[in-house]
C-alpha atoms as a PDB file:
ATOM      1  CA  MET A   1       7.207   7.964   5.882  1.00  0.00           C
ATOM      2  CA  CYS A   2       3.545   8.451   5.003  1.00  0.00           C
ATOM      3  CA  PRO A   3       2.120   8.170   1.503  1.00  0.00           C
ATOM      4  CA  PRO A   4       1.557  11.575  -0.114  1.00  0.00           C
ATOM      5  CA  ARG A   5      -1.643  13.374   0.775  1.00  0.00           C
ATOM      6  CA  GLY A   6      -4.361  12.785  -1.794  1.00  0.00           C
ATOM      7  CA  LEU A   7      -3.058   9.349  -2.873  1.00  0.00           C
ATOM      8  CA  THR A   8      -5.203   7.964  -5.674  1.00  0.00           C
ATOM      9  CA  ALA A   9      -6.128   4.283  -5.991  1.00  0.00           C
ATOM     10  CA  GLU A  10      -7.330   3.441  -9.495  1.00  0.00           C
ATOM     11  CA  THR A  11      -9.545   0.511 -10.480  1.00  0.00           C
ATOM     12  CA  ASN A  12      -8.404   0.720 -14.110  1.00  0.00           C
ATOM     13  CA  LYS A  13      -5.039  -0.535 -15.311  1.00  0.00           C
ATOM     14  CA  LYS A  14      -4.397   2.671 -17.243  1.00  0.00           C
ATOM     15  CA  PRO A  15      -5.379   6.303 -16.695  1.00  0.00           C
ATOM     16  CA  ALA A  16      -8.310   7.708 -18.652  1.00  0.00           C
ATOM     17  CA  ASN A  17      -5.986   9.082 -21.371  1.00  0.00           C
ATOM     18  CA  ASN A  18      -4.756   5.478 -22.004  1.00  0.00           C
ATOM     19  CA  GLN A  19      -1.116   6.511 -21.568  1.00  0.00           C
ATOM     20  CA  ALA A  20       0.789   3.803 -19.719  1.00  0.00           C
ATOM     21  CA  LEU A  21       2.638   4.648 -16.523  1.00  0.00           C
ATOM     22  CA  GLY A  22       6.259   3.682 -16.066  1.00  0.00           C
ATOM     23  CA  PRO A  23       8.829   2.493 -18.597  1.00  0.00           C
ATOM     24  CA  ARG A  24       7.876   2.352 -22.258  1.00  0.00           C
ATOM     25  CA  ASP A  25       9.933  -0.782 -22.961  1.00  0.00           C
ATOM     26  CA  ALA A  26       8.755  -4.191 -21.753  1.00  0.00           C
ATOM     27  CA  LYS A  27      12.246  -5.339 -20.720  1.00  0.00           C
ATOM     28  CA  THR A  28      12.330  -3.239 -17.541  1.00  0.00           C
ATOM     29  CA  ASN A  29       8.761  -3.939 -16.436  1.00  0.00           C
ATOM     30  CA  THR A  30       8.066  -6.344 -13.600  1.00  0.00           C
ATOM     31  CA  VAL A  31       5.859  -9.378 -13.070  1.00  0.00           C
ATOM     32  CA  GLY A  32       3.877  -9.601  -9.848  1.00  0.00           C
ATOM     33  CA  ASN A  33       1.615  -7.198  -7.992  1.00  0.00           C
ATOM     34  CA  ILE A  34       1.534  -3.725  -9.493  1.00  0.00           C
ATOM     35  CA  PHE A  35       0.133  -0.727  -7.638  1.00  0.00           C
ATOM     36  CA  TYR A  36      -0.667   2.280  -9.834  1.00  0.00           C
ATOM     37  CA  GLY A  37      -0.507   5.634  -8.107  1.00  0.00           C
ATOM     38  CA  SER A  38      -0.899   9.264  -9.042  1.00  0.00           C
ATOM     39  CA  LYS A  39       2.883   9.721  -9.493  1.00  0.00           C
ATOM     40  CA  GLY A  40       3.968   6.385 -10.977  1.00  0.00           C
ATOM     41  CA  TYR A  41       3.767   2.776  -9.957  1.00  0.00           C
ATOM     42  CA  LEU A  42       5.198   0.173  -7.594  1.00  0.00           C
ATOM     43  CA  GLY A  43       5.917  -3.400  -8.668  1.00  0.00           C
ATOM     44  CA  ILE A  44       6.191  -6.162  -6.079  1.00  0.00           C
ATOM     45  CA  ASP A  45       8.071  -9.078  -7.574  1.00  0.00           C
ATOM     46  CA  GLY A  46       7.613 -12.079  -5.297  1.00  0.00           C
ATOM     47  CA  TYR A  47       7.716 -11.776  -1.517  1.00  0.00           C
ATOM     48  CA  ASP A  48      10.765  -9.627  -0.976  1.00  0.00           C
ATOM     49  CA  THR A  49      11.577  -7.474  -4.017  1.00  0.00           C
ATOM     50  CA  TYR A  50      10.099  -4.159  -5.111  1.00  0.00           C
ATOM     51  CA  LYS A  51      10.755  -1.559  -7.828  1.00  0.00           C
ATOM     52  CA  THR A  52       9.190   1.821  -8.497  1.00  0.00           C
ATOM     53  CA  TRP A  53       8.856   3.911 -11.630  1.00  0.00           C
ATOM     54  CA  LEU A  54       8.096   7.558 -11.018  1.00  0.00           C
ATOM     55  CA  THR A  55       8.348   8.627 -14.658  1.00  0.00           C
ATOM     56  CA  ASN A  56       8.165   7.054 -18.126  1.00  0.00           C
ATOM     57  CA  GLU A  57      11.934   6.481 -18.044  1.00  0.00           C
ATOM     58  CA  THR A  58      13.305   2.937 -18.142  1.00  0.00           C
ATOM     59  CA  GLU A  59      15.412   3.426 -15.019  1.00  0.00           C
ATOM     60  CA  PRO A  60      13.474   2.420 -11.915  1.00  0.00           C
ATOM     61  CA  GLY A  61      13.201   4.746  -8.941  1.00  0.00           C
ATOM     62  CA  PRO A  62      13.656   3.518  -5.377  1.00  0.00           C
ATOM     63  CA  HIS A  63      13.919  -0.267  -5.234  1.00  0.00           C
ATOM     64  CA  GLY A  64      15.075  -2.959  -2.879  1.00  0.00           C
ATOM     65  CA  LYS A  65      15.104  -6.536  -1.730  1.00  0.00           C
ATOM     66  CA  GLY A  66      14.260  -7.699   1.771  1.00  0.00           C
ATOM     67  CA  SER A  67      15.545 -10.740   3.546  1.00  0.00           C
ATOM     68  CA  GLY A  68      14.801 -12.841   6.569  1.00  0.00           C
ATOM     69  CA  ASP A  69      11.665 -14.317   8.062  1.00  0.00           C
ATOM     70  CA  HIS A  70       9.645 -11.269   9.115  1.00  0.00           C
ATOM     71  CA  TYR A  71       6.942 -13.310  10.822  1.00  0.00           C
ATOM     72  CA  ALA A  72       9.458 -15.147  13.034  1.00  0.00           C
ATOM     73  CA  ASN A  73      11.213 -11.844  13.770  1.00  0.00           C
ATOM     74  CA  PHE A  74       7.895 -10.279  14.837  1.00  0.00           C
ATOM     75  CA  ILE A  75       7.119 -13.196  17.188  1.00  0.00           C
ATOM     76  CA  ASP A  76      10.672 -13.090  18.605  1.00  0.00           C
ATOM     77  CA  CYS A  77      10.284  -9.360  19.343  1.00  0.00           C
ATOM     78  CA  ILE A  78       6.976  -9.960  21.130  1.00  0.00           C
ATOM     79  CA  ARG A  79       8.539 -12.692  23.249  1.00  0.00           C
ATOM     80  CA  SER A  80      11.662 -10.663  24.081  1.00  0.00           C
ATOM     81  CA  ARG A  81       9.781  -7.337  24.390  1.00  0.00           C
ATOM     82  CA  ARG A  82      12.626  -5.714  22.426  1.00  0.00           C
ATOM     83  CA  ALA A  83      10.878  -3.532  19.843  1.00  0.00           C
ATOM     84  CA  GLN A  84      14.250  -2.229  18.629  1.00  0.00           C
ATOM     85  CA  ASP A  85      15.041  -5.708  17.182  1.00  0.00           C
ATOM     86  CA  ILE A  86      12.183  -5.720  14.678  1.00  0.00           C
ATOM     87  CA  HIS A  87      13.225  -5.848  11.008  1.00  0.00           C
ATOM     88  CA  SER A  88      10.615  -3.353   9.901  1.00  0.00           C
ATOM     89  CA  PRO A  89       8.871  -0.778  12.097  1.00  0.00           C
ATOM     90  CA  ILE A  90       5.187  -1.519  12.627  1.00  0.00           C
ATOM     91  CA  GLU A  91       4.333   1.904  11.151  1.00  0.00           C
ATOM     92  CA  GLU A  92       5.813   0.752   7.820  1.00  0.00           C
ATOM     93  CA  ALA A  93       3.621  -2.349   7.904  1.00  0.00           C
ATOM     94  CA  HIS A  94       0.596  -0.144   8.600  1.00  0.00           C
ATOM     95  CA  ILE A  95       1.379   2.054   5.576  1.00  0.00           C
ATOM     96  CA  SER A  96       1.993  -0.979   3.342  1.00  0.00           C
ATOM     97  CA  THR A  97      -1.211  -2.753   4.306  1.00  0.00           C
ATOM     98  CA  THR A  98      -3.182   0.471   3.899  1.00  0.00           C
ATOM     99  CA  LEU A  99      -2.341   0.347   0.174  1.00  0.00           C
ATOM    100  CA  VAL A 100      -3.751  -3.180  -0.069  1.00  0.00           C
ATOM    101  CA  HIS A 101      -6.917  -2.246   1.843  1.00  0.00           C
ATOM    102  CA  LEU A 102      -7.431   0.799  -0.405  1.00  0.00           C
ATOM    103  CA  ALA A 103      -6.989  -1.329  -3.535  1.00  0.00           C
ATOM    104  CA  ASN A 104      -9.492  -3.858  -2.195  1.00  0.00           C
ATOM    105  CA  ALA A 105     -12.066  -1.169  -1.353  1.00  0.00           C
ATOM    106  CA  SER A 106     -11.584   0.486  -4.751  1.00  0.00           C
ATOM    107  CA  TYR A 107     -12.059  -2.855  -6.520  1.00  0.00           C
ATOM    108  CA  ARG A 108     -15.149  -3.811  -4.513  1.00  0.00           C
ATOM    109  CA  LEU A 109     -16.775  -0.416  -5.037  1.00  0.00           C
ATOM    110  CA  GLY A 110     -15.703  -0.160  -8.679  1.00  0.00           C
ATOM    111  CA  ARG A 111     -14.471   3.393  -8.387  1.00  0.00           C
ATOM    112  CA  THR A 112     -11.442   5.586  -7.780  1.00  0.00           C
ATOM    113  CA  LEU A 113     -10.753   6.578  -4.182  1.00  0.00           C
ATOM    114  CA  GLN A 114      -9.092   9.769  -2.963  1.00  0.00           C
ATOM    115  CA  PHE A 115      -7.241   9.016   0.289  1.00  0.00           C
ATOM    116  CA  ASP A 116      -6.143  11.568   2.871  1.00  0.00           C
ATOM    117  CA  SER A 117      -3.148   9.942   4.583  1.00  0.00           C
ATOM    118  CA  ALA A 118      -3.060  12.499   7.419  1.00  0.00           C
ATOM    119  CA  GLN A 119      -6.657  11.701   8.447  1.00  0.00           C
ATOM    120  CA  GLU A 120      -6.469   8.081   7.231  1.00  0.00           C
ATOM    121  CA  GLN A 121      -9.844   8.517   5.554  1.00  0.00           C
ATOM    122  CA  VAL A 122     -11.190   8.266   2.025  1.00  0.00           C
ATOM    123  CA  ILE A 123     -12.225  11.783   1.088  1.00  0.00           C
ATOM    124  CA  GLY A 124     -15.991  12.217   0.719  1.00  0.00           C
ATOM    125  CA  ASP A 125     -16.800   8.473   0.592  1.00  0.00           C
ATOM    126  CA  GLU A 126     -18.353   7.036   3.762  1.00  0.00           C
ATOM    127  CA  GLU A 127     -19.083   3.718   2.037  1.00  0.00           C
ATOM    128  CA  ALA A 128     -15.359   3.243   1.332  1.00  0.00           C
ATOM    129  CA  ASN A 129     -14.459   4.344   4.867  1.00  0.00           C
ATOM    130  CA  ARG A 130     -16.807   1.680   6.283  1.00  0.00           C
ATOM    131  CA  LEU A 131     -14.940  -0.962   4.267  1.00  0.00           C
ATOM    132  CA  LEU A 132     -11.634   0.230   5.755  1.00  0.00           C
ATOM    133  CA  ARG A 133     -12.838  -0.009   9.369  1.00  0.00           C
ATOM    134  CA  ALA A 134     -12.814  -3.274  11.238  1.00  0.00           C
ATOM    135  CA  SER A 135     -16.012  -4.887  12.473  1.00  0.00           C
ATOM    136  CA  TYR A 136     -15.647  -5.659  16.157  1.00  0.00           C
ATOM    137  CA  ARG A 137     -17.800  -7.882  18.332  1.00  0.00           C
ATOM    138  CA  ALA A 138     -18.662  -7.152  21.939  1.00  0.00           C
ATOM    139  CA  PRO A 139     -16.971  -6.940  24.331  1.00  0.00           C
ATOM    140  CA  TYR A 140     -13.859  -6.424  22.127  1.00  0.00           C
ATOM    141  CA  ILE A 141     -14.902  -3.050  20.735  1.00  0.00           C
ATOM    142  CA  VAL A 142     -12.349  -0.336  20.038  1.00  0.00           C
ATOM    143  CA  PRO A 143     -13.855   3.133  20.535  1.00  0.00           C
ATOM    144  CA  GLU A 144     -13.919   5.513  17.561  1.00  0.00           C
ATOM    145  CA  LYS A 145     -11.855   8.036  19.580  1.00  0.00           C
ATOM    146  CA  ILE A 146      -9.233   6.857  22.029  1.00  0.00           C
END
């Protein structure tokens, strides 16, 4: 499942109107990495637990807890060549790491980024797009179009 088109990555902790996202009571908030989005926020609590708040209500939205050693599972799948045994599809990892890369680019540039998930590009910001592309060294260059 792809992030919604036009996903917004904010450099500020609160929107411009200073209204907090998510629950209004501190008891249901989370400690850890918090990703603020245009429709709510995602809290990563440790390595394997996440919660979302899509409104100001105290009840979290989708949430879950993972288990197992994902790195070892990935290596086992490479060795066995059995992609169907992987704990999490590689596309999910791509989507998850895209959020981290967007947050990093937004922080480094000091501005909000508008991301088009279908094109996998920051809208109207070539400087941000350069930060999201890998730097390859010859002869290990991946062409822009494959």
